[in-house]
N, C-alpha and C. Protein backbone atom coordinates (compact mmCIF):
# COMPACT_ATOMS: atom_id res chain seq x y z
N MET A 1 1.13 -1.05 -0.05
CA MET A 1 0.08 0.16 -0.27
C MET A 1 0.88 1.32 0.06
N LYS A 2 0.67 2.38 -0.82
CA LYS A 2 1.42 3.38 -0.85
C LYS A 2 1.02 4.51 0.35
N SER A 3 2.04 5.04 0.88
CA SER A 3 1.94 5.72 2.07
C SER A 3 1.94 7.33 1.33
N VAL A 4 1.38 8.12 1.87
CA VAL A 4 0.94 9.87 1.46
C VAL A 4 1.41 10.53 2.55
N ASN A 5 2.00 11.54 2.57
CA ASN A 5 2.56 12.75 3.78
C ASN A 5 1.23 13.47 3.73
N VAL A 6 0.64 13.63 5.08
CA VAL A 6 -0.54 14.60 5.98
C VAL A 6 -0.07 15.90 6.64
N THR A 7 -0.05 16.80 6.40
CA THR A 7 0.28 18.07 6.99
C THR A 7 -0.83 18.41 7.90
N PHE A 8 -0.53 19.04 9.08
CA PHE A 8 -1.69 19.61 9.43
C PHE A 8 -1.33 20.38 10.94
N GLN A 9 -2.34 21.38 11.21
CA GLN A 9 -1.68 22.29 12.51
C GLN A 9 -2.21 21.54 13.69
N VAL A 10 -1.67 21.81 14.69
CA VAL A 10 -1.82 21.53 16.16
C VAL A 10 -1.23 22.28 17.40
N ASP A 11 -1.77 22.72 18.23
CA ASP A 11 -1.13 23.54 19.44
C ASP A 11 0.26 22.45 20.04
N GLU A 12 1.04 23.24 19.97
CA GLU A 12 2.37 22.68 20.45
C GLU A 12 2.27 21.89 21.45
N ASP A 13 1.61 22.45 22.86
CA ASP A 13 1.61 22.08 23.87
C ASP A 13 0.86 20.61 23.66
N VAL A 14 -0.26 20.68 23.07
CA VAL A 14 -0.92 19.22 22.86
C VAL A 14 0.09 18.06 22.06
N LYS A 15 0.74 18.65 21.16
CA LYS A 15 1.21 17.75 20.23
C LYS A 15 2.70 16.95 21.18
N ASN A 16 3.38 17.95 22.28
CA ASN A 16 4.40 17.40 23.30
C ASN A 16 3.65 16.56 23.55
N ALA A 17 2.94 16.60 24.96
CA ALA A 17 1.65 15.83 25.44
C ALA A 17 1.29 14.77 24.55
N ALA A 18 0.93 14.77 23.45
CA ALA A 18 0.46 13.66 22.58
C ALA A 18 1.76 12.88 22.50
N ASP A 19 2.78 13.37 22.60
CA ASP A 19 4.15 12.75 21.99
C ASP A 19 4.30 11.61 22.74
N ALA A 20 4.67 12.40 24.46
CA ALA A 20 4.89 12.15 25.45
C ALA A 20 3.58 10.42 25.97
N LEU A 21 2.22 11.06 25.80
CA LEU A 21 1.56 9.92 25.98
C LEU A 21 1.59 8.33 24.93
N PHE A 22 2.14 9.11 23.86
CA PHE A 22 2.08 7.55 22.83
C PHE A 22 3.47 7.06 22.87
N ASN A 23 4.56 7.39 23.27
CA ASN A 23 6.02 7.28 23.52
C ASN A 23 5.55 6.24 25.00
N ASP A 24 4.77 6.47 25.71
CA ASP A 24 4.71 5.76 26.95
C ASP A 24 3.93 4.45 26.76
N LEU A 25 2.83 4.60 25.62
CA LEU A 25 2.61 3.47 25.02
C LEU A 25 2.98 2.29 24.07
N GLY A 26 4.32 2.85 23.74
CA GLY A 26 5.22 2.14 22.79
C GLY A 26 4.86 2.69 21.34
N MET A 27 4.31 3.40 21.32
CA MET A 27 3.90 4.10 19.85
C MET A 27 4.52 5.63 19.02
N SER A 28 4.74 5.91 18.05
CA SER A 28 4.64 7.39 17.35
C SER A 28 3.47 8.05 17.49
N LEU A 29 3.65 9.05 17.35
CA LEU A 29 2.72 9.65 17.00
C LEU A 29 2.04 9.43 15.79
N SER A 30 2.71 9.30 14.70
CA SER A 30 2.63 8.50 13.51
C SER A 30 1.50 7.35 13.51
N MET A 31 2.36 6.64 14.36
CA MET A 31 1.32 5.29 14.34
C MET A 31 -0.02 5.56 15.15
N ALA A 32 0.17 6.33 16.24
CA ALA A 32 -1.28 6.53 16.71
C ALA A 32 -2.09 7.24 15.89
N LEU A 33 -2.16 8.19 14.76
CA LEU A 33 -2.64 8.97 14.06
C LEU A 33 -3.15 8.24 13.00
N ASN A 34 -2.60 6.94 12.85
CA ASN A 34 -2.98 5.90 11.76
C ASN A 34 -3.75 5.09 12.46
N LEU A 35 -3.85 4.75 13.58
CA LEU A 35 -4.79 4.10 14.49
C LEU A 35 -5.88 4.74 14.16
N PHE A 36 -5.92 5.85 14.77
CA PHE A 36 -7.23 6.84 14.74
C PHE A 36 -7.83 6.88 13.69
N LEU A 37 -6.97 6.75 12.29
CA LEU A 37 -7.93 6.98 11.03
C LEU A 37 -8.30 5.57 10.79
N ARG A 38 -7.53 4.75 11.23
CA ARG A 38 -8.05 3.01 10.54
C ARG A 38 -9.31 2.75 10.99
N GLN A 39 -9.23 3.28 12.75
CA GLN A 39 -10.65 2.73 13.32
C GLN A 39 -11.73 3.65 12.91
N SER A 40 -11.28 5.09 12.42
CA SER A 40 -12.59 6.03 12.16
C SER A 40 -13.18 5.16 11.02
N VAL A 41 -12.73 4.58 9.92
CA VAL A 41 -12.81 4.13 8.41
C VAL A 41 -13.13 2.73 9.17
N ARG A 42 -13.17 2.26 9.86
CA ARG A 42 -13.67 0.91 9.88
C ARG A 42 -15.03 0.99 10.67
N GLU A 43 -15.33 2.18 11.71
CA GLU A 43 -16.30 2.58 12.28
C GLU A 43 -17.40 3.49 11.43
N ARG A 44 -16.67 3.60 10.19
CA ARG A 44 -17.29 4.68 9.71
C ARG A 44 -18.18 5.71 10.41
N GLY A 45 -17.38 6.75 11.28
CA GLY A 45 -17.20 7.48 12.19
C GLY A 45 -16.13 7.40 13.11
N LEU A 46 -16.34 9.01 14.13
CA LEU A 46 -15.00 8.50 15.33
C LEU A 46 -15.40 7.90 16.15
N PRO A 47 -13.89 7.25 16.60
CA PRO A 47 -14.13 5.86 17.49
C PRO A 47 -14.26 6.43 18.99
N PHE A 48 -14.95 7.49 19.14
CA PHE A 48 -15.05 7.86 20.54
C PHE A 48 -16.72 8.87 20.15
N MET A 49 -17.37 8.99 21.67
CA MET A 49 -18.12 9.57 21.63
C MET A 49 -17.94 10.91 21.77
N VAL A 50 -18.59 11.99 20.79
CA VAL A 50 -18.39 13.56 21.03
C VAL A 50 -19.56 14.13 21.35
N SER A 51 -19.65 14.92 22.73
CA SER A 51 -20.39 15.26 22.74
C SER A 51 -20.43 17.07 23.69
N ALA A 52 -21.26 17.78 23.21
CA ALA A 52 -21.57 19.36 23.78
C ALA A 52 -21.82 19.69 25.28
N ASP A 53 -22.21 18.39 25.99
CA ASP A 53 -22.22 18.55 27.04
C ASP A 53 -21.60 19.16 28.14
N THR A 54 -21.53 20.03 28.91
CA THR A 54 -20.58 20.50 30.06
C THR A 54 -20.96 19.66 31.13
N PRO A 55 -19.82 19.24 31.84
CA PRO A 55 -19.56 18.36 32.93
C PRO A 55 -20.43 19.37 34.20
N ASN A 56 -21.15 18.63 34.93
CA ASN A 56 -21.46 19.39 36.41
C ASN A 56 -20.19 19.67 37.37
N ALA A 57 -20.72 20.11 38.64
CA ALA A 57 -19.51 20.31 39.70
C ALA A 57 -19.38 18.90 40.22
N VAL A 58 -19.94 18.26 40.12
CA VAL A 58 -19.62 16.69 40.42
C VAL A 58 -18.87 15.90 39.74
N THR A 59 -18.87 15.92 38.60
CA THR A 59 -18.08 15.16 37.54
C THR A 59 -16.65 16.14 37.64
N LEU A 60 -16.95 17.05 37.34
CA LEU A 60 -15.90 18.07 37.44
C LEU A 60 -14.66 17.92 38.33
N ALA A 61 -15.51 17.63 39.60
CA ALA A 61 -14.50 17.20 41.39
C ALA A 61 -14.01 15.78 40.89
N ALA A 62 -15.02 14.73 40.74
CA ALA A 62 -14.52 13.63 40.31
C ALA A 62 -13.42 13.61 39.33
N MET A 63 -13.45 14.64 38.06
CA MET A 63 -12.41 14.41 37.04
C MET A 63 -10.94 14.69 37.79
N ASP A 64 -11.36 15.86 38.66
CA ASP A 64 -9.75 16.75 39.34
C ASP A 64 -9.04 15.49 40.51
N ALA A 65 -10.22 14.83 40.87
CA ALA A 65 -9.73 14.07 41.98
C ALA A 65 -9.07 12.49 41.27
N ALA A 66 -9.10 12.27 40.35
CA ALA A 66 -8.72 11.17 39.29
C ALA A 66 -7.55 11.68 38.73
N GLU A 67 -7.06 12.72 38.43
CA GLU A 67 -5.64 13.29 38.35
C GLU A 67 -4.76 13.69 39.26
């Protein structure tokens, strides 16, 4: 299968955090993006739930505690 280059803009802090995360998981950013794209194609949509709901105070507190 022929590979192509894809260029996109992302916030530098997000890119650095993603690099660190995927490195910890044993993969490169490129591998992770390929995984995301393949899963999106397989599911014919985003491979995760997208919601406009804003977390309430209880959820925000739980999220803070988890971090």
